[in-house]
Amino acid sequence: MDLRNPSLSANLAPAATAGIIDVLSGGRSLEDAIWRDPETNLVFLPTAKRGPLFHTSEILASEQTRKLFDQLREKYDYVIVDLPPLAPIVDVRAAAPFIDAFILVVEWGRTRTDVVEHALHTAPNVYESLIGTVLNKTNMQAMKRYNNYHDDYYNNEHYIRYGQVAAE
Protein backbone atom coordinates (compact mmCIF):
# COMPACT_ATOMS: atom_id res chain seq x y z
CA MET A 1 0.00 0.00 0.00
CA ASP A 2 2.92 2.30 -0.64
CA LEU A 3 1.09 3.87 -3.56
CA ARG A 4 3.71 6.54 -4.20
CA ASN A 5 6.76 4.26 -4.28
CA PRO A 6 5.73 0.62 -4.63
CA SER A 7 9.23 -0.86 -4.37
CA LEU A 8 8.01 -4.09 -2.75
CA SER A 9 5.66 -4.63 -5.70
CA ALA A 10 8.49 -3.93 -8.12
CA ASN A 11 10.55 -6.66 -6.43
CA LEU A 12 7.88 -9.30 -5.85
CA ALA A 13 5.67 -8.80 -8.91
CA PRO A 14 7.60 -6.73 -11.48
CA ALA A 15 5.33 -7.78 -14.36
CA ALA A 16 2.08 -6.96 -12.55
CA THR A 17 -0.39 -5.18 -14.78
CA ALA A 18 -3.16 -5.03 -12.17
CA GLY A 19 -3.16 -4.47 -8.45
CA ILE A 20 -4.73 -2.77 -5.48
CA ILE A 21 -5.75 0.38 -7.38
CA ASP A 22 -7.65 -1.75 -9.91
CA VAL A 23 -9.39 -3.63 -7.09
CA LEU A 24 -10.32 -0.42 -5.26
CA SER A 25 -11.69 1.18 -8.44
CA GLY A 26 -13.73 -1.92 -9.28
CA GLY A 27 -11.75 -2.55 -12.47
CA ARG A 28 -10.55 -5.99 -11.31
CA SER A 29 -11.62 -8.50 -8.73
CA LEU A 30 -9.31 -9.31 -5.84
CA GLU A 31 -8.77 -12.81 -7.26
CA ASP A 32 -7.70 -11.39 -10.64
CA ALA A 33 -5.16 -8.99 -9.12
CA ILE A 34 -3.48 -11.30 -6.60
CA TRP A 35 -0.09 -12.88 -7.21
CA ARG A 36 0.88 -16.16 -5.56
CA ASP A 37 4.48 -17.33 -5.09
CA PRO A 38 4.50 -21.05 -5.95
CA GLU A 39 7.51 -21.76 -3.70
CA THR A 40 6.33 -20.06 -0.50
CA ASN A 41 2.58 -19.83 -1.18
CA LEU A 42 2.79 -16.14 -0.33
CA VAL A 43 -0.29 -14.34 -1.62
CA PHE A 44 0.52 -10.78 -2.63
CA LEU A 45 -1.61 -7.88 -3.86
CA PRO A 46 0.76 -5.59 -5.76
CA THR A 47 0.55 -1.94 -6.62
CA ALA A 48 0.83 -1.89 -10.40
CA LYS A 49 2.22 1.57 -10.96
CA ARG A 50 1.28 3.23 -14.22
CA GLY A 51 2.11 6.80 -13.31
CA PRO A 52 2.02 9.18 -10.38
CA LEU A 53 -0.99 8.91 -8.11
CA PHE A 54 -2.44 12.01 -6.51
CA HIS A 55 -4.52 12.06 -3.33
CA THR A 56 -3.15 8.73 -2.11
CA SER A 57 -4.31 9.42 1.43
CA GLU A 58 -7.88 9.79 0.15
CA ILE A 59 -7.58 6.45 -1.66
CA LEU A 60 -6.26 4.76 1.49
CA ALA A 61 -8.96 6.26 3.72
CA SER A 62 -11.80 5.41 1.33
CA GLU A 63 -14.81 3.21 1.88
CA GLN A 64 -13.51 0.93 -0.89
CA THR A 65 -10.31 0.36 1.13
CA ARG A 66 -12.35 -0.52 4.21
CA LYS A 67 -14.36 -3.02 2.17
CA LEU A 68 -11.16 -4.50 0.74
CA PHE A 69 -9.77 -4.99 4.24
CA ASP A 70 -13.02 -6.63 5.34
CA GLN A 71 -12.73 -9.00 2.40
CA LEU A 72 -9.06 -9.74 3.17
CA ARG A 73 -9.84 -10.46 6.85
CA GLU A 74 -12.49 -12.98 5.83
CA LYS A 75 -10.20 -14.77 3.40
CA TYR A 76 -6.77 -14.74 5.12
CA ASP A 77 -5.42 -15.44 8.60
CA TYR A 78 -2.87 -12.61 8.41
CA VAL A 79 -2.78 -9.48 6.29
CA ILE A 80 0.58 -7.74 6.31
CA VAL A 81 0.60 -4.27 4.81
CA ASP A 82 3.67 -2.46 3.50
CA LEU A 83 3.04 1.25 3.97
CA PRO A 84 5.09 4.33 3.03
CA PRO A 85 7.22 6.15 5.61
CA LEU A 86 5.27 7.54 8.53
CA ALA A 87 6.93 10.93 8.82
CA PRO A 88 6.68 12.83 5.53
CA ILE A 89 3.13 12.04 4.37
CA VAL A 90 -0.28 11.24 5.86
CA ASP A 91 -0.90 7.95 4.03
CA VAL A 92 -0.13 5.75 7.05
CA ARG A 93 -2.44 7.77 9.29
CA ALA A 94 -5.16 7.55 6.62
CA ALA A 95 -4.94 3.73 6.49
CA ALA A 96 -4.53 3.29 10.27
CA PRO A 97 -8.22 2.58 11.05
CA PHE A 98 -8.06 -0.60 8.95
CA ILE A 99 -4.87 -1.96 10.53
CA ASP A 100 -4.76 -3.85 13.83
CA ALA A 101 -1.08 -3.40 14.71
CA PHE A 102 2.03 -1.67 13.40
CA ILE A 103 5.70 -2.54 13.28
CA LEU A 104 7.83 0.52 12.71
CA VAL A 105 10.87 0.05 10.46
CA VAL A 106 13.72 2.45 11.20
CA GLU A 107 16.86 2.68 9.07
CA TRP A 108 20.14 2.40 10.97
CA GLY A 109 22.32 5.50 10.72
CA ARG A 110 19.83 7.45 8.66
CA THR A 111 16.61 7.96 10.63
CA ARG A 112 17.11 10.34 13.54
CA THR A 113 15.52 9.60 16.90
CA ASP A 114 13.75 12.97 17.03
CA VAL A 115 12.14 12.29 13.65
CA VAL A 116 10.79 8.95 14.91
CA GLU A 117 9.51 10.56 18.12
CA HIS A 118 7.83 13.39 16.22
CA ALA A 119 6.23 10.99 13.71
CA LEU A 120 4.79 8.83 16.49
CA HIS A 121 3.57 11.82 18.50
CA THR A 122 1.74 13.20 15.47
CA ALA A 123 0.15 9.81 14.74
CA PRO A 124 -1.40 8.66 18.03
CA ASN A 125 -3.49 5.98 16.29
CA VAL A 126 -0.26 4.42 15.00
CA TYR A 127 1.60 4.88 18.30
CA GLU A 128 -1.18 3.23 20.32
CA SER A 129 -1.14 0.19 18.02
CA LEU A 130 2.64 -0.12 17.76
CA ILE A 131 3.83 -3.62 18.72
CA GLY A 132 7.51 -3.28 17.88
CA THR A 133 10.29 -1.72 15.89
CA VAL A 134 12.70 -3.19 13.36
CA LEU A 135 16.10 -1.58 12.94
CA ASN A 136 17.06 -2.39 9.36
CA LYS A 137 20.33 -2.04 7.45
CA THR A 138 22.13 -2.35 10.78
CA ASN A 139 25.91 -2.13 10.76
CA MET A 140 26.77 -5.09 13.00
CA GLN A 141 30.42 -4.00 13.39
CA ALA A 142 29.32 -0.60 14.67
CA MET A 143 26.68 -2.25 16.86
CA LYS A 144 29.43 -3.98 18.87
CA ARG A 145 30.40 -0.57 20.31
CA TYR A 146 27.07 -0.48 22.15
CA ASN A 147 27.45 -3.92 23.70
CA ASN A 148 30.26 -3.67 26.28
CA TYR A 149 28.75 -5.44 29.29
CA HIS A 150 27.07 -8.38 27.55
CA ASP A 151 29.57 -8.73 24.73
CA ASP A 152 28.95 -12.46 24.45
CA TYR A 153 25.14 -12.21 24.32
CA TYR A 154 24.95 -13.01 20.62
CA ASN A 155 27.63 -15.70 20.72
CA ASN A 156 27.00 -19.42 20.25
CA GLU A 157 25.62 -20.37 23.69
CA HIS A 158 22.78 -17.89 23.29
CA TYR A 159 22.09 -18.81 19.68
CA ILE A 160 22.03 -22.51 20.58
CA ARG A 161 19.40 -21.84 23.24
CA TYR A 162 17.07 -20.68 20.49
CA GLY A 163 18.01 -23.40 18.00
CA GLN A 164 20.42 -21.37 15.91
CA VAL A 165 24.19 -21.50 15.50
CA ALA A 166 26.20 -18.35 14.99
CA ALA A 167 28.94 -18.27 12.39
CA GLU A 168 32.44 -18.41 13.81
C-alpha atoms as a PDB file:
ATOM      1  CA  MET A   1       0.000   0.000   0.000  1.00  0.00           C
ATOM      2  CA  ASP A   2       2.924   2.303  -0.644  1.00  0.00           C
ATOM      3  CA  LEU A   3       1.093   3.869  -3.557  1.00  0.00           C
ATOM      4  CA  ARG A   4       3.708   6.544  -4.196  1.00  0.00           C
ATOM      5  CA  ASN A   5       6.763   4.265  -4.283  1.00  0.00           C
ATOM      6  CA  PRO A   6       5.726   0.616  -4.629  1.00  0.00           C
ATOM      7  CA  SER A   7       9.229  -0.856  -4.374  1.00  0.00           C
ATOM      8  CA  LEU A   8       8.006  -4.086  -2.754  1.00  0.00           C
ATOM      9  CA  SER A   9       5.657  -4.632  -5.696  1.00  0.00           C
ATOM     10  CA  ALA A  10       8.495  -3.935  -8.124  1.00  0.00           C
ATOM     11  CA  ASN A  11      10.549  -6.656  -6.433  1.00  0.00           C
ATOM     12  CA  LEU A  12       7.877  -9.303  -5.855  1.00  0.00           C
ATOM     13  CA  ALA A  13       5.672  -8.800  -8.912  1.00  0.00           C
ATOM     14  CA  PRO A  14       7.596  -6.733 -11.483  1.00  0.00           C
ATOM     15  CA  ALA A  15       5.334  -7.778 -14.355  1.00  0.00           C
ATOM     16  CA  ALA A  16       2.082  -6.964 -12.549  1.00  0.00           C
ATOM     17  CA  THR A  17      -0.392  -5.184 -14.782  1.00  0.00           C
ATOM     18  CA  ALA A  18      -3.155  -5.028 -12.172  1.00  0.00           C
ATOM     19  CA  GLY A  19      -3.159  -4.466  -8.454  1.00  0.00           C
ATOM     20  CA  ILE A  20      -4.731  -2.774  -5.483  1.00  0.00           C
ATOM     21  CA  ILE A  21      -5.751   0.376  -7.375  1.00  0.00           C
ATOM     22  CA  ASP A  22      -7.646  -1.747  -9.905  1.00  0.00           C
ATOM     23  CA  VAL A  23      -9.389  -3.626  -7.086  1.00  0.00           C
ATOM     24  CA  LEU A  24     -10.323  -0.419  -5.264  1.00  0.00           C
ATOM     25  CA  SER A  25     -11.687   1.178  -8.440  1.00  0.00           C
ATOM     26  CA  GLY A  26     -13.726  -1.919  -9.283  1.00  0.00           C
ATOM     27  CA  GLY A  27     -11.754  -2.552 -12.469  1.00  0.00           C
ATOM     28  CA  ARG A  28     -10.550  -5.987 -11.310  1.00  0.00           C
ATOM     29  CA  SER A  29     -11.617  -8.500  -8.726  1.00  0.00           C
ATOM     30  CA  LEU A  30      -9.307  -9.312  -5.841  1.00  0.00           C
ATOM     31  CA  GLU A  31      -8.775 -12.814  -7.256  1.00  0.00           C
ATOM     32  CA  ASP A  32      -7.703 -11.393 -10.639  1.00  0.00           C
ATOM     33  CA  ALA A  33      -5.156  -8.987  -9.123  1.00  0.00           C
ATOM     34  CA  ILE A  34      -3.479 -11.301  -6.596  1.00  0.00           C
ATOM     35  CA  TRP A  35      -0.092 -12.876  -7.209  1.00  0.00           C
ATOM     36  CA  ARG A  36       0.884 -16.160  -5.555  1.00  0.00           C
ATOM     37  CA  ASP A  37       4.476 -17.329  -5.094  1.00  0.00           C
ATOM     38  CA  PRO A  38       4.496 -21.047  -5.947  1.00  0.00           C
ATOM     39  CA  GLU A  39       7.511 -21.759  -3.696  1.00  0.00           C
ATOM     40  CA  THR A  40       6.325 -20.056  -0.502  1.00  0.00           C
ATOM     41  CA  ASN A  41       2.585 -19.832  -1.180  1.00  0.00           C
ATOM     42  CA  LEU A  42       2.793 -16.141  -0.325  1.00  0.00           C
ATOM     43  CA  VAL A  43      -0.288 -14.340  -1.625  1.00  0.00           C
ATOM     44  CA  PHE A  44       0.523 -10.776  -2.634  1.00  0.00           C
ATOM     45  CA  LEU A  45      -1.612  -7.884  -3.859  1.00  0.00           C
ATOM     46  CA  PRO A  46       0.757  -5.587  -5.764  1.00  0.00           C
ATOM     47  CA  THR A  47       0.551  -1.937  -6.620  1.00  0.00           C
ATOM     48  CA  ALA A  48       0.830  -1.889 -10.403  1.00  0.00           C
ATOM     49  CA  LYS A  49       2.224   1.574 -10.957  1.00  0.00           C
ATOM     50  CA  ARG A  50       1.284   3.225 -14.218  1.00  0.00           C
ATOM     51  CA  GLY A  51       2.107   6.804 -13.307  1.00  0.00           C
ATOM     52  CA  PRO A  52       2.023   9.179 -10.375  1.00  0.00           C
ATOM     53  CA  LEU A  53      -0.992   8.914  -8.108  1.00  0.00           C
ATOM     54  CA  PHE A  54      -2.443  12.007  -6.507  1.00  0.00           C
ATOM     55  CA  HIS A  55      -4.515  12.064  -3.334  1.00  0.00           C
ATOM     56  CA  THR A  56      -3.151   8.728  -2.112  1.00  0.00           C
ATOM     57  CA  SER A  57      -4.312   9.419   1.430  1.00  0.00           C
ATOM     58  CA  GLU A  58      -7.885   9.788   0.147  1.00  0.00           C
ATOM     59  CA  ILE A  59      -7.578   6.455  -1.657  1.00  0.00           C
ATOM     60  CA  LEU A  60      -6.256   4.758   1.489  1.00  0.00           C
ATOM     61  CA  ALA A  61      -8.964   6.261   3.720  1.00  0.00           C
ATOM     62  CA  SER A  62     -11.803   5.408   1.331  1.00  0.00           C
ATOM     63  CA  GLU A  63     -14.813   3.212   1.880  1.00  0.00           C
ATOM     64  CA  GLN A  64     -13.507   0.930  -0.885  1.00  0.00           C
ATOM     65  CA  THR A  65     -10.312   0.358   1.127  1.00  0.00           C
ATOM     66  CA  ARG A  66     -12.349  -0.515   4.212  1.00  0.00           C
ATOM     67  CA  LYS A  67     -14.362  -3.019   2.167  1.00  0.00           C
ATOM     68  CA  LEU A  68     -11.164  -4.495   0.740  1.00  0.00           C
ATOM     69  CA  PHE A  69      -9.765  -4.987   4.244  1.00  0.00           C
ATOM     70  CA  ASP A  70     -13.019  -6.630   5.340  1.00  0.00           C
ATOM     71  CA  GLN A  71     -12.729  -8.999   2.396  1.00  0.00           C
ATOM     72  CA  LEU A  72      -9.062  -9.743   3.174  1.00  0.00           C
ATOM     73  CA  ARG A  73      -9.840 -10.460   6.852  1.00  0.00           C
ATOM     74  CA  GLU A  74     -12.487 -12.983   5.835  1.00  0.00           C
ATOM     75  CA  LYS A  75     -10.204 -14.774   3.404  1.00  0.00           C
ATOM     76  CA  TYR A  76      -6.769 -14.741   5.116  1.00  0.00           C
ATOM     77  CA  ASP A  77      -5.418 -15.439   8.600  1.00  0.00           C
ATOM     78  CA  TYR A  78      -2.866 -12.610   8.407  1.00  0.00           C
ATOM     79  CA  VAL A  79      -2.782  -9.483   6.294  1.00  0.00           C
ATOM     80  CA  ILE A  80       0.581  -7.742   6.313  1.00  0.00           C
ATOM     81  CA  VAL A  81       0.597  -4.273   4.813  1.00  0.00           C
ATOM     82  CA  ASP A  82       3.667  -2.458   3.500  1.00  0.00           C
ATOM     83  CA  LEU A  83       3.040   1.248   3.971  1.00  0.00           C
ATOM     84  CA  PRO A  84       5.087   4.332   3.029  1.00  0.00           C
ATOM     85  CA  PRO A  85       7.224   6.147   5.607  1.00  0.00           C
ATOM     86  CA  LEU A  86       5.269   7.535   8.533  1.00  0.00           C
ATOM     87  CA  ALA A  87       6.929  10.933   8.821  1.00  0.00           C
ATOM     88  CA  PRO A  88       6.684  12.832   5.533  1.00  0.00           C
ATOM     89  CA  ILE A  89       3.134  12.039   4.366  1.00  0.00           C
ATOM     90  CA  VAL A  90      -0.280  11.245   5.860  1.00  0.00           C
ATOM     91  CA  ASP A  91      -0.898   7.951   4.026  1.00  0.00           C
ATOM     92  CA  VAL A  92      -0.128   5.752   7.050  1.00  0.00           C
ATOM     93  CA  ARG A  93      -2.443   7.773   9.286  1.00  0.00           C
ATOM     94  CA  ALA A  94      -5.165   7.548   6.618  1.00  0.00           C
ATOM     95  CA  ALA A  95      -4.940   3.734   6.494  1.00  0.00           C
ATOM     96  CA  ALA A  96      -4.535   3.288  10.273  1.00  0.00           C
ATOM     97  CA  PRO A  97      -8.216   2.583  11.049  1.00  0.00           C
ATOM     98  CA  PHE A  98      -8.063  -0.596   8.945  1.00  0.00           C
ATOM     99  CA  ILE A  99      -4.874  -1.962  10.528  1.00  0.00           C
ATOM    100  CA  ASP A 100      -4.759  -3.852  13.833  1.00  0.00           C
ATOM    101  CA  ALA A 101      -1.083  -3.396  14.709  1.00  0.00           C
ATOM    102  CA  PHE A 102       2.026  -1.665  13.404  1.00  0.00           C
ATOM    103  CA  ILE A 103       5.696  -2.545  13.284  1.00  0.00           C
ATOM    104  CA  LEU A 104       7.827   0.517  12.706  1.00  0.00           C
ATOM    105  CA  VAL A 105      10.870   0.051  10.456  1.00  0.00           C
ATOM    106  CA  VAL A 106      13.719   2.451  11.199  1.00  0.00           C
ATOM    107  CA  GLU A 107      16.857   2.682   9.069  1.00  0.00           C
ATOM    108  CA  TRP A 108      20.143   2.403  10.966  1.00  0.00           C
ATOM    109  CA  GLY A 109      22.319   5.501  10.722  1.00  0.00           C
ATOM    110  CA  ARG A 110      19.825   7.448   8.663  1.00  0.00           C
ATOM    111  CA  THR A 111      16.608   7.955  10.632  1.00  0.00           C
ATOM    112  CA  ARG A 112      17.109  10.339  13.536  1.00  0.00           C
ATOM    113  CA  THR A 113      15.524   9.596  16.901  1.00  0.00           C
ATOM    114  CA  ASP A 114      13.751  12.971  17.034  1.00  0.00           C
ATOM    115  CA  VAL A 115      12.138  12.286  13.646  1.00  0.00           C
ATOM    116  CA  VAL A 116      10.793   8.946  14.908  1.00  0.00           C
ATOM    117  CA  GLU A 117       9.508  10.556  18.122  1.00  0.00           C
ATOM    118  CA  HIS A 118       7.827  13.390  16.217  1.00  0.00           C
ATOM    119  CA  ALA A 119       6.230  10.991  13.710  1.00  0.00           C
ATOM    120  CA  LEU A 120       4.795   8.831  16.487  1.00  0.00           C
ATOM    121  CA  HIS A 121       3.566  11.825  18.502  1.00  0.00           C
ATOM    122  CA  THR A 122       1.735  13.200  15.465  1.00  0.00           C
ATOM    123  CA  ALA A 123       0.147   9.807  14.741  1.00  0.00           C
ATOM    124  CA  PRO A 124      -1.399   8.657  18.033  1.00  0.00           C
ATOM    125  CA  ASN A 125      -3.491   5.984  16.290  1.00  0.00           C
ATOM    126  CA  VAL A 126      -0.256   4.416  15.004  1.00  0.00           C
ATOM    127  CA  TYR A 127       1.604   4.880  18.298  1.00  0.00           C
ATOM    128  CA  GLU A 128      -1.178   3.232  20.323  1.00  0.00           C
ATOM    129  CA  SER A 129      -1.142   0.188  18.017  1.00  0.00           C
ATOM    130  CA  LEU A 130       2.641  -0.119  17.764  1.00  0.00           C
ATOM    131  CA  ILE A 131       3.831  -3.623  18.720  1.00  0.00           C
ATOM    132  CA  GLY A 132       7.510  -3.275  17.877  1.00  0.00           C
ATOM    133  CA  THR A 133      10.290  -1.722  15.885  1.00  0.00           C
ATOM    134  CA  VAL A 134      12.702  -3.189  13.356  1.00  0.00           C
ATOM    135  CA  LEU A 135      16.099  -1.584  12.939  1.00  0.00           C
ATOM    136  CA  ASN A 136      17.060  -2.388   9.356  1.00  0.00           C
ATOM    137  CA  LYS A 137      20.333  -2.037   7.451  1.00  0.00           C
ATOM    138  CA  THR A 138      22.128  -2.353  10.780  1.00  0.00           C
ATOM    139  CA  ASN A 139      25.910  -2.128  10.760  1.00  0.00           C
ATOM    140  CA  MET A 140      26.773  -5.086  13.000  1.00  0.00           C
ATOM    141  CA  GLN A 141      30.420  -3.997  13.386  1.00  0.00           C
ATOM    142  CA  ALA A 142      29.323  -0.595  14.670  1.00  0.00           C
ATOM    143  CA  MET A 143      26.676  -2.249  16.859  1.00  0.00           C
ATOM    144  CA  LYS A 144      29.428  -3.981  18.868  1.00  0.00           C
ATOM    145  CA  ARG A 145      30.403  -0.565  20.309  1.00  0.00           C
ATOM    146  CA  TYR A 146      27.068  -0.479  22.153  1.00  0.00           C
ATOM    147  CA  ASN A 147      27.450  -3.919  23.701  1.00  0.00           C
ATOM    148  CA  ASN A 148      30.257  -3.665  26.278  1.00  0.00           C
ATOM    149  CA  TYR A 149      28.748  -5.442  29.289  1.00  0.00           C
ATOM    150  CA  HIS A 150      27.070  -8.378  27.551  1.00  0.00           C
ATOM    151  CA  ASP A 151      29.566  -8.731  24.727  1.00  0.00           C
ATOM    152  CA  ASP A 152      28.951 -12.464  24.447  1.00  0.00           C
ATOM    153  CA  TYR A 153      25.141 -12.210  24.315  1.00  0.00           C
ATOM    154  CA  TYR A 154      24.949 -13.007  20.623  1.00  0.00           C
ATOM    155  CA  ASN A 155      27.628 -15.702  20.724  1.00  0.00           C
ATOM    156  CA  ASN A 156      27.002 -19.416  20.254  1.00  0.00           C
ATOM    157  CA  GLU A 157      25.624 -20.365  23.685  1.00  0.00           C
ATOM    158  CA  HIS A 158      22.780 -17.888  23.288  1.00  0.00           C
ATOM    159  CA  TYR A 159      22.089 -18.814  19.676  1.00  0.00           C
ATOM    160  CA  ILE A 160      22.029 -22.507  20.577  1.00  0.00           C
ATOM    161  CA  ARG A 161      19.398 -21.845  23.241  1.00  0.00           C
ATOM    162  CA  TYR A 162      17.068 -20.681  20.485  1.00  0.00           C
ATOM    163  CA  GLY A 163      18.013 -23.396  17.997  1.00  0.00           C
ATOM    164  CA  GLN A 164      20.421 -21.370  15.909  1.00  0.00           C
ATOM    165  CA  VAL A 165      24.185 -21.503  15.505  1.00  0.00           C
ATOM    166  CA  ALA A 166      26.197 -18.345  14.988  1.00  0.00           C
ATOM    167  CA  ALA A 167      28.941 -18.268  12.386  1.00  0.00           C
ATOM    168  CA  GLU A 168      32.441 -18.413  13.813  1.00  0.00           C
END
